[in-house]
Amino acid sequence: MKYVCDVCGYVYDPAVGDPDNGVAPGTAFEDLPEDWVCPLCSVGKDSFSPEE
């Protein structure tokens, strides 16, 4: 499942991960480090919602 940043609209896709910030492809949103932040606007995981 993809997750969308409520602030800027960035979509976290587990199939892609966030390689620029050390998150390998295949990493589930739930498995992201607690200190992971949106690569575009730097808000925390609590500002993301499941994509509908």
Protein backbone atom coordinates (compact mmCIF):
# COMPACT_ATOMS: atom_id res chain seq x y z
CA MET A 1 0.00 0.00 0.00
CA LYS A 2 1.21 3.49 -0.84
CA TYR A 3 1.12 6.37 1.64
CA VAL A 4 0.61 10.04 0.82
CA CYS A 5 2.08 13.01 2.69
CA ASP A 6 -0.82 15.11 4.00
CA VAL A 7 1.30 18.26 3.74
CA CYS A 8 2.89 18.15 0.26
CA GLY A 9 1.37 15.18 -1.55
CA TYR A 10 4.55 13.08 -1.81
CA VAL A 11 3.67 9.42 -2.33
CA TYR A 12 5.75 6.77 -0.55
CA ASP A 13 5.69 3.63 -2.67
CA PRO A 14 7.11 0.57 -0.88
CA ALA A 15 8.09 -0.97 -4.23
CA VAL A 16 10.41 2.00 -4.83
CA GLY A 17 11.44 2.84 -1.26
CA ASP A 18 13.40 6.04 -0.68
CA PRO A 19 16.89 5.14 -1.91
CA ASP A 20 18.14 8.73 -1.66
CA ASN A 21 17.60 8.46 2.11
CA GLY A 22 18.78 4.90 2.66
CA VAL A 23 15.43 3.11 2.40
CA ALA A 24 15.68 0.04 0.17
CA PRO A 25 12.97 -0.90 -2.33
CA GLY A 26 10.52 -3.33 -0.76
CA THR A 27 10.47 -1.52 2.61
CA ALA A 28 6.91 -1.33 3.97
CA PHE A 29 5.78 2.03 5.33
CA GLU A 30 5.36 0.44 8.76
CA ASP A 31 9.00 -0.67 8.64
CA LEU A 32 10.43 2.79 7.95
CA PRO A 33 12.67 4.09 10.74
CA GLU A 34 10.81 6.21 13.30
CA ASP A 35 13.01 9.18 12.41
CA TRP A 36 12.26 8.94 8.68
CA VAL A 37 10.81 12.16 7.26
CA CYS A 38 9.17 13.13 3.98
CA PRO A 39 11.94 13.71 1.43
CA LEU A 40 10.14 16.77 0.06
CA CYS A 41 8.84 18.66 3.09
CA SER A 42 10.48 16.93 6.10
CA VAL A 43 7.35 16.10 8.11
CA GLY A 44 7.27 12.87 10.08
CA LYS A 45 5.53 9.57 9.40
CA ASP A 46 2.50 10.69 11.42
CA SER A 47 1.69 13.16 8.64
CA PHE A 48 1.10 10.40 6.07
CA SER A 49 -2.18 8.71 5.20
CA PRO A 50 -2.86 5.50 3.24
CA GLU A 51 -3.52 6.23 -0.42
CA GLU A 52 -7.14 5.63 -1.37
